[in-house]
Amino acid sequence: MRALIQRVSEASVRVDNTTIGEIGPGLLILVCAMQGDTDEAARKLALKLTKLRIFSDDQGKMNLSLVQTGGAALVVSQFTLAGDTSRGNRPGFSTAAAPDEGNRLYELFAAELKTLGIPTETGRFGADMKVSLINDGPVTLWVEV
């Protein structure tokens, strides 16, 4: 699985002009299931993101995890993270998981974050979403498992 994570002061996602998920401080997680990804990959990614030390401690050093700060997660499906731009000008997405499997792994990933004690909000798989955020830092990382 792939994720683009952004440390945020706040983030929200809207569908049809209705806010369906919003958080305060924490992580906006744009996530993509790839062909061949397994349940174990979803669980491993969730665990890694809860322990990733990218939040500032009292000395201003990135030394604390999402768990340690009590932050939340906003998880948004983003199949375009599978985009291959190596040939031509139109990205190809053939390496993304099939929609049914992608949705299943997306939901498993979000559920695993909740199981690990992270307050978690989500977008809507396959929907046209409008995501708003205030990137804190800015801190943005690409994570793959």
Protein backbone atom coordinates (compact mmCIF):
# COMPACT_ATOMS: atom_id res chain seq x y z
CA MET A 1 0.00 0.00 0.00
CA ARG A 2 1.03 3.57 -0.60
CA ALA A 3 0.25 6.64 1.44
CA LEU A 4 1.00 10.30 1.16
CA ILE A 5 0.73 11.72 4.65
CA GLN A 6 0.56 15.31 5.73
CA ARG A 7 0.89 16.54 9.28
CA VAL A 8 -2.04 18.93 9.70
CA SER A 9 -3.44 21.43 12.12
CA GLU A 10 -6.85 20.58 10.67
CA ALA A 11 -8.32 18.82 7.66
CA SER A 12 -11.73 18.02 6.23
CA VAL A 13 -13.33 16.25 3.30
CA ARG A 14 -16.58 17.18 1.56
CA VAL A 15 -18.80 15.27 -0.84
CA ASP A 16 -21.64 17.13 -2.60
CA ASN A 17 -20.98 20.21 -0.43
CA THR A 18 -21.45 18.19 2.77
CA THR A 19 -18.59 17.67 5.19
CA ILE A 20 -18.31 13.94 5.79
CA GLY A 21 -15.06 13.89 7.79
CA GLU A 22 -12.96 16.40 9.68
CA ILE A 23 -10.14 16.41 12.21
CA GLY A 24 -8.06 18.80 14.25
CA PRO A 25 -4.34 18.16 14.73
CA GLY A 26 -3.08 14.90 13.27
CA LEU A 27 -2.53 13.30 9.89
CA LEU A 28 -4.27 13.60 6.57
CA ILE A 29 -3.60 10.21 4.97
CA LEU A 30 -4.12 9.83 1.24
CA VAL A 31 -3.98 6.07 0.69
CA CYS A 32 -3.89 3.75 -2.33
CA ALA A 33 -4.11 -0.03 -2.44
CA MET A 34 -1.90 -1.52 -5.13
CA GLN A 35 -2.33 -4.77 -7.05
CA GLY A 36 -1.18 -7.63 -4.87
CA ASP A 37 -1.61 -5.78 -1.58
CA THR A 38 -2.86 -7.90 1.30
CA ASP A 39 -4.67 -7.42 4.59
CA GLU A 40 -1.26 -7.62 6.25
CA ALA A 41 -0.04 -4.66 4.17
CA ALA A 42 -3.00 -2.55 5.34
CA ARG A 43 -2.34 -3.48 8.98
CA LYS A 44 1.40 -2.88 8.65
CA LEU A 45 0.87 0.57 7.10
CA ALA A 46 -1.59 1.56 9.84
CA LEU A 47 0.82 0.48 12.58
CA LYS A 48 3.74 2.27 10.94
CA LEU A 49 1.83 5.54 10.63
CA THR A 50 0.73 5.48 14.27
CA LYS A 51 4.37 5.15 15.39
CA LEU A 52 6.06 7.47 12.87
CA ARG A 53 7.85 10.19 14.86
CA ILE A 54 6.97 13.33 12.92
CA PHE A 55 5.34 15.54 15.56
CA SER A 56 7.30 18.14 17.50
CA ASP A 57 8.32 17.62 21.11
CA ASP A 58 8.83 20.43 23.65
CA GLN A 59 12.19 21.27 22.07
CA GLY A 60 10.68 21.57 18.58
CA LYS A 61 12.26 18.33 17.30
CA MET A 62 10.23 15.79 15.33
CA ASN A 63 10.29 13.17 18.04
CA LEU A 64 6.67 12.25 18.84
CA SER A 65 4.20 9.89 17.15
CA LEU A 66 0.51 10.26 16.39
CA VAL A 67 -0.23 8.00 19.35
CA GLN A 68 1.92 10.10 21.69
CA THR A 69 0.28 13.37 20.66
CA GLY A 70 -3.30 12.07 20.77
CA GLY A 71 -3.81 13.26 17.20
CA ALA A 72 -6.47 12.08 14.77
CA ALA A 73 -6.40 10.73 11.23
CA LEU A 74 -8.41 11.69 8.17
CA VAL A 75 -8.13 8.85 5.66
CA VAL A 76 -8.95 9.60 2.02
CA SER A 77 -8.79 7.03 -0.78
CA GLN A 78 -6.51 8.23 -3.57
CA PHE A 79 -6.07 5.75 -6.44
CA THR A 80 -4.04 8.35 -8.34
CA LEU A 81 -1.09 7.56 -6.05
CA ALA A 82 -0.67 4.56 -8.36
CA GLY A 83 -0.17 6.91 -11.31
CA ASP A 84 2.59 5.92 -13.71
CA THR A 85 3.88 8.87 -15.71
CA SER A 86 6.85 7.10 -17.32
CA ARG A 87 5.21 6.88 -20.75
CA GLY A 88 3.59 9.91 -22.31
CA ASN A 89 1.61 12.66 -20.69
CA ARG A 90 -1.43 10.73 -19.47
CA PRO A 91 -0.84 8.83 -16.21
CA GLY A 92 -1.66 5.13 -16.19
CA PHE A 93 -3.30 3.54 -13.17
CA SER A 94 -3.05 -0.16 -14.04
CA THR A 95 -0.98 -0.92 -10.92
CA ALA A 96 -3.77 0.18 -8.57
CA ALA A 97 -5.87 -2.55 -6.97
CA ALA A 98 -9.23 -3.28 -8.61
CA PRO A 99 -11.96 -1.02 -7.17
CA ASP A 100 -13.64 -3.68 -5.01
CA GLU A 101 -10.33 -4.81 -3.53
CA GLY A 102 -9.10 -1.23 -3.19
CA ASN A 103 -12.22 -0.27 -1.25
CA ARG A 104 -11.94 -3.33 1.00
CA LEU A 105 -8.29 -2.59 1.85
CA TYR A 106 -9.04 1.12 2.33
CA GLU A 107 -11.77 0.29 4.82
CA LEU A 108 -9.56 -2.27 6.57
CA PHE A 109 -6.76 0.30 6.86
CA ALA A 110 -9.10 2.89 8.43
CA ALA A 111 -10.57 0.27 10.78
CA GLU A 112 -7.07 -0.77 11.85
CA LEU A 113 -6.20 2.83 12.77
CA LYS A 114 -9.31 2.91 14.97
CA THR A 115 -8.33 -0.42 16.55
CA LEU A 116 -4.92 1.09 17.34
CA GLY A 117 -6.67 3.90 19.25
CA ILE A 118 -6.51 6.67 16.66
CA PRO A 119 -9.64 8.81 16.27
CA THR A 120 -10.28 8.28 12.56
CA GLU A 121 -12.51 9.99 10.01
CA THR A 122 -12.78 8.96 6.36
CA GLY A 123 -13.72 10.18 2.95
CA ARG A 124 -15.95 8.15 0.63
CA PHE A 125 -14.26 5.64 -1.66
CA GLY A 126 -14.78 6.46 -5.33
CA ALA A 127 -16.53 9.77 -4.66
CA ASP A 128 -15.58 13.16 -6.06
CA MET A 129 -14.17 14.64 -2.85
CA LYS A 130 -12.99 18.10 -1.92
CA VAL A 131 -10.20 17.93 0.65
CA SER A 132 -9.14 20.95 2.69
CA LEU A 133 -6.17 21.09 5.01
CA ILE A 134 -3.76 23.26 6.86
CA ASN A 135 -0.41 21.52 6.50
CA ASP A 136 1.56 21.87 9.72
CA GLY A 137 5.26 22.48 9.15
CA PRO A 138 4.78 21.73 6.31
CA VAL A 139 5.47 18.04 6.83
CA THR A 140 4.58 15.71 3.94
CA LEU A 141 5.90 12.16 3.54
CA TRP A 142 5.52 9.30 1.04
CA VAL A 143 5.20 5.92 2.78
CA GLU A 144 5.04 2.47 1.19
CA VAL A 145 4.85 -1.00 2.73
